[in-house]
Amino acid sequence: MSALGHYIEEEGIATVAISLIRPQTENTKPPRALWVPFELGRPFGPPSDPAFQKRVILAALRMLDEGGGPLRIEDFPEDDPRERPDPSWGVPIAAGPVADGSAGAVADAFETELARLAEAYDRSVTRRGRTTVGLLGLPIAAAGSYVAAWLRGNEPASPVADMSPPLALRFAIDDLKAYCLEAGLADSGRPSSRQLGDWLWNETAAGKAIFALRRANLDAADDRLKLIASNFMVPAVRALAAG
């Protein structure tokens, strides 16, 4: 969007960009940009907080009255209030044991955990009235079985017609991440995204399973699978932290 700003301004229309990645904005040099310290996908801040989102929008629009650059970036002064941890939040289930570090043991623990999360996930969907699970188009147990088969080294055929096995694996993992995170929202606490992420990636068998799949396929012979493993299974910040 920062690059598009140049073309739009050539037609006489003033622009202001919302920047989530400051180095990228500095490279594209928009006439005006408001940098916001929020996670990717939330350019106006936390969901379901219209008052906060309005403050972000007004801060951006005020830049239109103050002229442009060749490069002008202002920092939004507030952090996302949802990034503060909620001490009242508790994980939906306690972490289950993993017999050993083998792929088979992780797969077993992962499938058991999915079943244990079902009640919390159902409560979450009922309370919130929505879900983002469904990319693969299969029940979550089937998505879990497909991921577990890959983890055990079976490289199964795609369970969905006209979808390659690597793409089906990517969508299955996306559904499983959403399923676990939504289960974490089942009750009244309002955890920050970091709290939810720390629980998923550091404490659950699902997190261990996805990390294991990533490691196993970073050098896959199939370029599609290698791309998915390196870029789409684990968020970059989590992959870097894990080393």
C-alpha atoms as a PDB file:
ATOM      1  CA  MET A   1       0.000   0.000   0.000  1.00  0.00           C
ATOM      2  CA  SER A   2       2.911   2.364   0.639  1.00  0.00           C
ATOM      3  CA  ALA A   3       4.067   1.934  -2.959  1.00  0.00           C
ATOM      4  CA  LEU A   4       0.559   2.474  -4.294  1.00  0.00           C
ATOM      5  CA  GLY A   5       0.466   5.786  -2.448  1.00  0.00           C
ATOM      6  CA  HIS A   6       2.939   7.270  -4.935  1.00  0.00           C
ATOM      7  CA  TYR A   7       0.735   6.454  -7.927  1.00  0.00           C
ATOM      8  CA  ILE A   8      -2.435   7.685  -6.239  1.00  0.00           C
ATOM      9  CA  GLU A   9      -0.795  10.955  -5.226  1.00  0.00           C
ATOM     10  CA  GLU A  10       0.338  11.536  -8.831  1.00  0.00           C
ATOM     11  CA  GLU A  11      -3.382  11.814  -9.609  1.00  0.00           C
ATOM     12  CA  GLY A  12      -3.807  14.515  -7.003  1.00  0.00           C
ATOM     13  CA  ILE A  13      -5.282  12.386  -4.208  1.00  0.00           C
ATOM     14  CA  ALA A  14      -3.599  12.638  -0.803  1.00  0.00           C
ATOM     15  CA  THR A  15      -2.799   9.324   0.886  1.00  0.00           C
ATOM     16  CA  VAL A  16      -1.683   7.986   4.242  1.00  0.00           C
ATOM     17  CA  ALA A  17      -0.571   4.409   4.826  1.00  0.00           C
ATOM     18  CA  ILE A  18      -0.857   2.299   7.967  1.00  0.00           C
ATOM     19  CA  SER A  19       2.499   0.637   8.521  1.00  0.00           C
ATOM     20  CA  LEU A  20       2.950  -2.614  10.431  1.00  0.00           C
ATOM     21  CA  ILE A  21       6.528  -3.295   9.270  1.00  0.00           C
ATOM     22  CA  ARG A  22       8.604  -0.136   9.634  1.00  0.00           C
ATOM     23  CA  PRO A  23      11.704  -1.183   7.582  1.00  0.00           C
ATOM     24  CA  GLN A  24       9.465  -2.053   4.647  1.00  0.00           C
ATOM     25  CA  THR A  25       7.782   1.359   4.866  1.00  0.00           C
ATOM     26  CA  GLU A  26      11.154   3.103   5.066  1.00  0.00           C
ATOM     27  CA  ASN A  27      12.206   1.327   1.860  1.00  0.00           C
ATOM     28  CA  THR A  28       9.041   2.181  -0.107  1.00  0.00           C
ATOM     29  CA  LYS A  29       9.077   5.828   1.118  1.00  0.00           C
ATOM     30  CA  PRO A  30       5.358   6.716   1.113  1.00  0.00           C
ATOM     31  CA  PRO A  31       4.423  10.407   1.307  1.00  0.00           C
ATOM     32  CA  ARG A  32       2.846   9.711   4.714  1.00  0.00           C
ATOM     33  CA  ALA A  33       2.600   6.659   6.940  1.00  0.00           C
ATOM     34  CA  LEU A  34       1.476   5.949  10.475  1.00  0.00           C
ATOM     35  CA  TRP A  35       3.481   3.132  12.034  1.00  0.00           C
ATOM     36  CA  VAL A  36       1.482   1.080  14.531  1.00  0.00           C
ATOM     37  CA  PRO A  37       3.007  -1.379  17.059  1.00  0.00           C
ATOM     38  CA  PHE A  38       0.418  -4.114  16.458  1.00  0.00           C
ATOM     39  CA  GLU A  39       0.709  -7.683  15.270  1.00  0.00           C
ATOM     40  CA  LEU A  40       0.305  -8.502  11.578  1.00  0.00           C
ATOM     41  CA  GLY A  41      -3.313  -8.640  10.509  1.00  0.00           C
ATOM     42  CA  ARG A  42      -4.428  -5.989  13.033  1.00  0.00           C
ATOM     43  CA  PRO A  43      -3.563  -2.608  11.455  1.00  0.00           C
ATOM     44  CA  PHE A  44      -6.140  -0.795  13.589  1.00  0.00           C
ATOM     45  CA  GLY A  45      -5.479  -2.666  16.815  1.00  0.00           C
ATOM     46  CA  PRO A  46      -7.500  -5.233  18.730  1.00  0.00           C
ATOM     47  CA  PRO A  47     -10.784  -6.644  17.412  1.00  0.00           C
ATOM     48  CA  SER A  48     -14.066  -5.615  19.026  1.00  0.00           C
ATOM     49  CA  ASP A  49     -12.614  -2.335  20.330  1.00  0.00           C
ATOM     50  CA  PRO A  50     -14.115   0.382  18.083  1.00  0.00           C
ATOM     51  CA  ALA A  51     -13.039   3.249  20.357  1.00  0.00           C
ATOM     52  CA  PHE A  52      -9.374   2.255  20.109  1.00  0.00           C
ATOM     53  CA  GLN A  53      -9.638   1.619  16.362  1.00  0.00           C
ATOM     54  CA  LYS A  54     -11.163   5.080  15.878  1.00  0.00           C
ATOM     55  CA  ARG A  55      -8.147   6.655  17.601  1.00  0.00           C
ATOM     56  CA  VAL A  56      -5.844   4.896  15.136  1.00  0.00           C
ATOM     57  CA  ILE A  57      -7.874   6.029  12.127  1.00  0.00           C
ATOM     58  CA  LEU A  58      -8.051   9.639  13.340  1.00  0.00           C
ATOM     59  CA  ALA A  59      -4.298   9.712  13.987  1.00  0.00           C
ATOM     60  CA  ALA A  60      -3.732   8.592  10.388  1.00  0.00           C
ATOM     61  CA  LEU A  61      -6.205  11.088   8.930  1.00  0.00           C
ATOM     62  CA  ARG A  62      -4.651  13.971  10.867  1.00  0.00           C
ATOM     63  CA  MET A  63      -1.473  13.383   8.878  1.00  0.00           C
ATOM     64  CA  LEU A  64      -3.338  14.471   5.754  1.00  0.00           C
ATOM     65  CA  ASP A  65      -3.618  17.991   7.212  1.00  0.00           C
ATOM     66  CA  GLU A  66       0.077  18.200   8.022  1.00  0.00           C
ATOM     67  CA  GLY A  67       1.714  17.734   4.636  1.00  0.00           C
ATOM     68  CA  GLY A  68       3.902  14.975   3.263  1.00  0.00           C
ATOM     69  CA  GLY A  69       7.485  13.997   2.758  1.00  0.00           C
ATOM     70  CA  PRO A  70       9.419  12.487   0.372  1.00  0.00           C
ATOM     71  CA  LEU A  71       9.169  10.225   3.419  1.00  0.00           C
ATOM     72  CA  ARG A  72       7.212  10.954   6.553  1.00  0.00           C
ATOM     73  CA  ILE A  73       6.497   8.317   9.180  1.00  0.00           C
ATOM     74  CA  GLU A  74       4.856   8.995  12.503  1.00  0.00           C
ATOM     75  CA  ASP A  75       4.588   6.534  15.380  1.00  0.00           C
ATOM     76  CA  PHE A  76       1.230   5.752  16.935  1.00  0.00           C
ATOM     77  CA  PRO A  77       1.788   6.352  20.662  1.00  0.00           C
ATOM     78  CA  GLU A  78      -0.350   3.568  22.152  1.00  0.00           C
ATOM     79  CA  ASP A  79       0.230  -0.170  22.381  1.00  0.00           C
ATOM     80  CA  ASP A  80      -2.485  -2.712  21.728  1.00  0.00           C
ATOM     81  CA  PRO A  81      -4.313  -2.986  25.081  1.00  0.00           C
ATOM     82  CA  ARG A  82      -5.022  -6.629  24.385  1.00  0.00           C
ATOM     83  CA  GLU A  83      -1.304  -7.356  24.472  1.00  0.00           C
ATOM     84  CA  ARG A  84      -1.288  -6.991  28.243  1.00  0.00           C
ATOM     85  CA  PRO A  85      -1.580 -10.479  29.757  1.00  0.00           C
ATOM     86  CA  ASP A  86      -4.806 -11.339  31.553  1.00  0.00           C
ATOM     87  CA  PRO A  87      -3.909 -12.871  34.929  1.00  0.00           C
ATOM     88  CA  SER A  88      -7.403 -14.367  35.221  1.00  0.00           C
ATOM     89  CA  TRP A  89      -7.016 -16.497  32.099  1.00  0.00           C
ATOM     90  CA  GLY A  90      -6.312 -20.196  32.443  1.00  0.00           C
ATOM     91  CA  VAL A  91      -5.421 -22.738  29.761  1.00  0.00           C
ATOM     92  CA  PRO A  92      -8.398 -24.860  28.604  1.00  0.00           C
ATOM     93  CA  ILE A  93      -6.634 -28.129  29.432  1.00  0.00           C
ATOM     94  CA  ALA A  94      -3.418 -29.034  31.186  1.00  0.00           C
ATOM     95  CA  ALA A  95      -0.606 -30.189  28.946  1.00  0.00           C
ATOM     96  CA  GLY A  96      -0.686 -33.933  28.426  1.00  0.00           C
ATOM     97  CA  PRO A  97       2.391 -36.126  28.774  1.00  0.00           C
ATOM     98  CA  VAL A  98       4.527 -37.117  25.787  1.00  0.00           C
ATOM     99  CA  ALA A  99       5.999 -40.580  26.290  1.00  0.00           C
ATOM    100  CA  ASP A 100       9.287 -39.669  24.615  1.00  0.00           C
ATOM    101  CA  GLY A 101      10.578 -37.283  21.978  1.00  0.00           C
ATOM    102  CA  SER A 102       9.905 -39.577  19.036  1.00  0.00           C
ATOM    103  CA  ALA A 103       7.631 -38.473  16.201  1.00  0.00           C
ATOM    104  CA  GLY A 104       5.255 -41.334  16.954  1.00  0.00           C
ATOM    105  CA  ALA A 105       4.915 -40.361  20.611  1.00  0.00           C
ATOM    106  CA  VAL A 106       4.301 -36.716  19.684  1.00  0.00           C
ATOM    107  CA  ALA A 107       1.663 -37.809  17.143  1.00  0.00           C
ATOM    108  CA  ASP A 108      -0.103 -39.939  19.762  1.00  0.00           C
ATOM    109  CA  ALA A 109      -0.110 -37.123  22.325  1.00  0.00           C
ATOM    110  CA  PHE A 110      -1.291 -34.650  19.699  1.00  0.00           C
ATOM    111  CA  GLU A 111      -4.303 -36.751  18.674  1.00  0.00           C
ATOM    112  CA  THR A 112      -5.240 -37.331  22.317  1.00  0.00           C
ATOM    113  CA  GLU A 113      -4.988 -33.606  23.003  1.00  0.00           C
ATOM    114  CA  LEU A 114      -7.292 -32.700  20.107  1.00  0.00           C
ATOM    115  CA  ALA A 115     -10.016 -34.900  21.557  1.00  0.00           C
ATOM    116  CA  ARG A 116      -9.536 -33.343  24.995  1.00  0.00           C
ATOM    117  CA  LEU A 117      -9.894 -29.849  23.528  1.00  0.00           C
ATOM    118  CA  ALA A 118     -13.236 -30.594  21.872  1.00  0.00           C
ATOM    119  CA  GLU A 119     -15.401 -29.445  24.782  1.00  0.00           C
ATOM    120  CA  ALA A 120     -13.511 -26.154  25.157  1.00  0.00           C
ATOM    121  CA  TYR A 121     -13.639 -25.521  21.406  1.00  0.00           C
ATOM    122  CA  ASP A 122     -17.401 -26.132  21.309  1.00  0.00           C
ATOM    123  CA  ARG A 123     -17.917 -23.712  24.218  1.00  0.00           C
ATOM    124  CA  SER A 124     -15.823 -21.108  22.435  1.00  0.00           C
ATOM    125  CA  VAL A 125     -17.825 -21.346  19.211  1.00  0.00           C
ATOM    126  CA  THR A 126     -21.100 -21.158  21.128  1.00  0.00           C
ATOM    127  CA  ARG A 127     -19.974 -18.152  23.157  1.00  0.00           C
ATOM    128  CA  ARG A 128     -18.387 -16.238  20.280  1.00  0.00           C
ATOM    129  CA  GLY A 129     -20.823 -17.332  17.547  1.00  0.00           C
ATOM    130  CA  ARG A 130     -18.130 -17.982  14.947  1.00  0.00           C
ATOM    131  CA  THR A 131     -15.076 -20.018  14.017  1.00  0.00           C
ATOM    132  CA  THR A 132     -12.234 -19.732  11.536  1.00  0.00           C
ATOM    133  CA  VAL A 133     -11.751 -23.507  11.367  1.00  0.00           C
ATOM    134  CA  GLY A 134     -12.694 -25.005   8.018  1.00  0.00           C
ATOM    135  CA  LEU A 135      -9.983 -24.344   5.405  1.00  0.00           C
ATOM    136  CA  LEU A 136      -9.475 -28.047   4.733  1.00  0.00           C
ATOM    137  CA  GLY A 137     -13.216 -28.725   4.662  1.00  0.00           C
ATOM    138  CA  LEU A 138     -12.936 -31.808   6.872  1.00  0.00           C
ATOM    139  CA  PRO A 139     -13.826 -32.479  10.525  1.00  0.00           C
ATOM    140  CA  ILE A 140     -11.029 -31.518  12.883  1.00  0.00           C
ATOM    141  CA  ALA A 141     -10.416 -35.148  13.847  1.00  0.00           C
ATOM    142  CA  ALA A 142      -9.766 -35.977  10.191  1.00  0.00           C
ATOM    143  CA  ALA A 143      -7.424 -33.006   9.857  1.00  0.00           C
ATOM    144  CA  GLY A 144      -5.622 -34.196  12.979  1.00  0.00           C
ATOM    145  CA  SER A 145      -5.300 -37.736  11.655  1.00  0.00           C
ATOM    146  CA  TYR A 146      -3.851 -36.403   8.412  1.00  0.00           C
ATOM    147  CA  VAL A 147      -1.256 -34.306  10.236  1.00  0.00           C
ATOM    148  CA  ALA A 148      -0.421 -37.230  12.533  1.00  0.00           C
ATOM    149  CA  ALA A 149       0.129 -39.503   9.519  1.00  0.00           C
ATOM    150  CA  TRP A 150       2.659 -37.037   8.117  1.00  0.00           C
ATOM    151  CA  LEU A 151       4.320 -36.822  11.498  1.00  0.00           C
ATOM    152  CA  ARG A 152       4.688 -40.600  11.610  1.00  0.00           C
ATOM    153  CA  GLY A 153       6.453 -40.438   8.237  1.00  0.00           C
ATOM    154  CA  ASN A 154       3.691 -41.916   6.098  1.00  0.00           C
ATOM    155  CA  GLU A 155       3.324 -38.987   3.601  1.00  0.00           C
ATOM    156  CA  PRO A 156      -0.334 -39.862   2.935  1.00  0.00           C
ATOM    157  CA  ALA A 157      -2.370 -39.008  -0.118  1.00  0.00           C
ATOM    158  CA  SER A 158      -4.449 -35.868   0.012  1.00  0.00           C
ATOM    159  CA  PRO A 159      -7.823 -36.386   1.718  1.00  0.00           C
ATOM    160  CA  VAL A 160      -9.379 -33.711  -0.519  1.00  0.00           C
ATOM    161  CA  ALA A 161      -9.926 -34.130  -4.253  1.00  0.00           C
ATOM    162  CA  ASP A 162      -8.028 -31.646  -6.453  1.00  0.00           C
ATOM    163  CA  MET A 163      -5.779 -30.590  -3.565  1.00  0.00           C
ATOM    164  CA  SER A 164      -2.122 -31.632  -3.444  1.00  0.00           C
ATOM    165  CA  PRO A 165      -0.851 -33.390  -0.307  1.00  0.00           C
ATOM    166  CA  PRO A 166       1.415 -30.448   0.685  1.00  0.00           C
ATOM    167  CA  LEU A 167      -1.439 -27.949   0.320  1.00  0.00           C
ATOM    168  CA  ALA A 168      -3.788 -30.229   2.254  1.00  0.00           C
ATOM    169  CA  LEU A 169      -1.148 -30.443   4.994  1.00  0.00           C
ATOM    170  CA  ARG A 170      -0.865 -26.656   5.122  1.00  0.00           C
ATOM    171  CA  PHE A 171      -4.642 -26.205   5.415  1.00  0.00           C
ATOM    172  CA  ALA A 172      -4.900 -28.982   7.999  1.00  0.00           C
ATOM    173  CA  ILE A 173      -2.252 -27.283  10.146  1.00  0.00           C
ATOM    174  CA  ASP A 174      -3.984 -23.908   9.752  1.00  0.00           C
ATOM    175  CA  ASP A 175      -7.252 -25.482  10.930  1.00  0.00           C
ATOM    176  CA  LEU A 176      -5.530 -27.121  13.884  1.00  0.00           C
ATOM    177  CA  LYS A 177      -3.856 -23.894  14.986  1.00  0.00           C
ATOM    178  CA  ALA A 178      -7.189 -22.076  14.797  1.00  0.00           C
ATOM    179  CA  TYR A 179      -8.926 -24.919  16.658  1.00  0.00           C
ATOM    180  CA  CYS A 180      -6.454 -24.801  19.545  1.00  0.00           C
ATOM    181  CA  LEU A 181      -6.383 -21.008  19.800  1.00  0.00           C
ATOM    182  CA  GLU A 182     -10.174 -20.789  19.710  1.00  0.00           C
ATOM    183  CA  ALA A 183     -10.401 -23.435  22.419  1.00  0.00           C
ATOM    184  CA  GLY A 184      -8.231 -21.100  24.475  1.00  0.00           C
ATOM    185  CA  LEU A 185     -10.984 -18.468  24.210  1.00  0.00           C
ATOM    186  CA  ALA A 186     -13.697 -20.744  25.580  1.00  0.00           C
ATOM    187  CA  ASP A 187     -14.249 -19.022  28.895  1.00  0.00           C
ATOM    188  CA  SER A 188     -14.452 -15.512  30.300  1.00  0.00           C
ATOM    189  CA  GLY A 189     -10.773 -14.568  30.418  1.00  0.00           C
ATOM    190  CA  ARG A 190      -9.329 -12.351  27.685  1.00  0.00           C
ATOM    191  CA  PRO A 191      -5.792 -13.625  27.071  1.00  0.00           C
ATOM    192  CA  SER A 192      -3.407 -11.575  24.994  1.00  0.00           C
ATOM    193  CA  SER A 193      -2.286 -13.021  21.688  1.00  0.00           C
ATOM    194  CA  ARG A 194       1.134 -13.597  23.273  1.00  0.00           C
ATOM    195  CA  GLN A 195      -0.449 -15.587  26.106  1.00  0.00           C
ATOM    196  CA  LEU A 196      -2.329 -17.745  23.635  1.00  0.00           C
ATOM    197  CA  GLY A 197       0.725 -18.138  21.439  1.00  0.00           C
ATOM    198  CA  ASP A 198       2.989 -19.063  24.350  1.00  0.00           C
ATOM    199  CA  TRP A 199       0.506 -21.723  25.395  1.00  0.00           C
ATOM    200  CA  LEU A 200       0.128 -23.166  21.884  1.00  0.00           C
ATOM    201  CA  TRP A 201       3.793 -23.199  20.891  1.00  0.00           C
ATOM    202  CA  ASN A 202       5.440 -23.885  24.247  1.00  0.00           C
ATOM    203  CA  GLU A 203       3.026 -26.120  26.127  1.00  0.00           C
ATOM    204  CA  THR A 204       0.782 -28.125  23.784  1.00  0.00           C
ATOM    205  CA  ALA A 205       1.359 -31.349  21.920  1.00  0.00           C
ATOM    206  CA  ALA A 206      -0.073 -29.580  18.858  1.00  0.00           C
ATOM    207  CA  GLY A 207       2.745 -27.042  19.005  1.00  0.00           C
ATOM    208  CA  LYS A 208       5.330 -29.810  19.359  1.00  0.00           C
ATOM    209  CA  ALA A 209       3.773 -31.670  16.411  1.00  0.00           C
ATOM    210  CA  ILE A 210       3.828 -28.647  14.102  1.00  0.00           C
ATOM    211  CA  PHE A 211       7.406 -27.776  15.048  1.00  0.00           C
ATOM    212  CA  ALA A 212       8.417 -31.378  14.375  1.00  0.00           C
ATOM    213  CA  LEU A 213       6.764 -31.327  10.943  1.00  0.00           C
ATOM    214  CA  ARG A 214       8.516 -28.091  10.106  1.00  0.00           C
ATOM    215  CA  ARG A 215      11.927 -29.487  11.035  1.00  0.00           C
ATOM    216  CA  ALA A 216      11.278 -32.708   9.119  1.00  0.00           C
ATOM    217  CA  ASN A 217      10.374 -30.944   5.877  1.00  0.00           C
ATOM    218  CA  LEU A 218      12.694 -27.946   5.682  1.00  0.00           C
ATOM    219  CA  ASP A 219      14.847 -29.948   3.251  1.00  0.00           C
ATOM    220  CA  ALA A 220      12.020 -31.863   1.555  1.00  0.00           C
ATOM    221  CA  ALA A 221      12.573 -32.974  -2.029  1.00  0.00           C
ATOM    222  CA  ASP A 222       9.176 -31.500  -2.938  1.00  0.00           C
ATOM    223  CA  ASP A 223       9.713 -27.752  -3.351  1.00  0.00           C
ATOM    224  CA  ARG A 224       6.074 -27.064  -2.453  1.00  0.00           C
ATOM    225  CA  LEU A 225       6.420 -28.904   0.829  1.00  0.00           C
ATOM    226  CA  LYS A 226       9.735 -27.185   1.577  1.00  0.00           C
ATOM    227  CA  LEU A 227       8.134 -23.769   0.975  1.00  0.00           C
ATOM    228  CA  ILE A 228       5.184 -24.581   3.242  1.00  0.00           C
ATOM    229  CA  ALA A 229       7.468 -25.904   5.985  1.00  0.00           C
ATOM    230  CA  SER A 230       9.730 -22.862   5.928  1.00  0.00           C
ATOM    231  CA  ASN A 231       7.069 -20.155   5.614  1.00  0.00           C
ATOM    232  CA  PHE A 232       3.612 -21.296   6.687  1.00  0.00           C
ATOM    233  CA  MET A 233       3.683 -23.874   9.470  1.00  0.00           C
ATOM    234  CA  VAL A 234       5.203 -21.849  12.326  1.00  0.00           C
ATOM    235  CA  PRO A 235       5.122 -18.032  12.626  1.00  0.00           C
ATOM    236  CA  ALA A 236       8.513 -16.534  11.800  1.00  0.00           C
ATOM    237  CA  VAL A 237       8.944 -14.995  15.257  1.00  0.00           C
ATOM    238  CA  ARG A 238       8.333 -18.389  16.891  1.00  0.00           C
ATOM    239  CA  ALA A 239      10.650 -20.199  14.479  1.00  0.00           C
ATOM    240  CA  LEU A 240      13.445 -17.683  15.150  1.00  0.00           C
ATOM    241  CA  ALA A 241      12.956 -17.979  18.909  1.00  0.00           C
ATOM    242  CA  ALA A 242      13.192 -21.761  18.689  1.00  0.00           C
ATOM    243  CA  GLY A 243      16.450 -21.537  16.742  1.00  0.00           C
END
